[in-house]
Amino acid sequence: MESFHFQITFWETLPSGCQA
C-alpha cells in the first residue's frame, strides 16, 4: 500500500500535461 501512496504523491508532483 505504501508504494501505491508513493505513486499518487509522485504523479501529483508531475505537471497535468504528463498526467494526461
Protein backbone atom coordinates (compact mmCIF):
# COMPACT_ATOMS: atom_id res chain seq x y z
CA MET A 1 0.00 0.00 0.00
CA GLU A 2 2.90 2.35 0.72
CA SER A 3 4.14 2.02 -2.85
CA PHE A 4 0.67 2.97 -4.11
CA HIS A 5 0.61 6.07 -1.90
CA PHE A 6 4.08 6.96 -3.19
CA GLN A 7 2.86 6.73 -6.78
CA ILE A 8 -0.02 9.13 -6.05
CA THR A 9 2.37 11.64 -4.50
CA PHE A 10 4.75 11.21 -7.43
CA TRP A 11 2.03 11.78 -10.03
CA GLU A 12 0.71 14.81 -8.12
CA THR A 13 4.15 16.44 -8.35
CA LEU A 14 4.16 15.99 -12.14
CA PRO A 15 2.54 18.63 -14.37
CA SER A 16 -1.03 17.98 -15.53
CA GLY A 17 0.35 17.59 -19.07
CA CYS A 18 2.22 14.43 -18.07
CA GLN A 19 -0.83 13.01 -16.32
CA ALA A 20 -2.91 13.27 -19.50
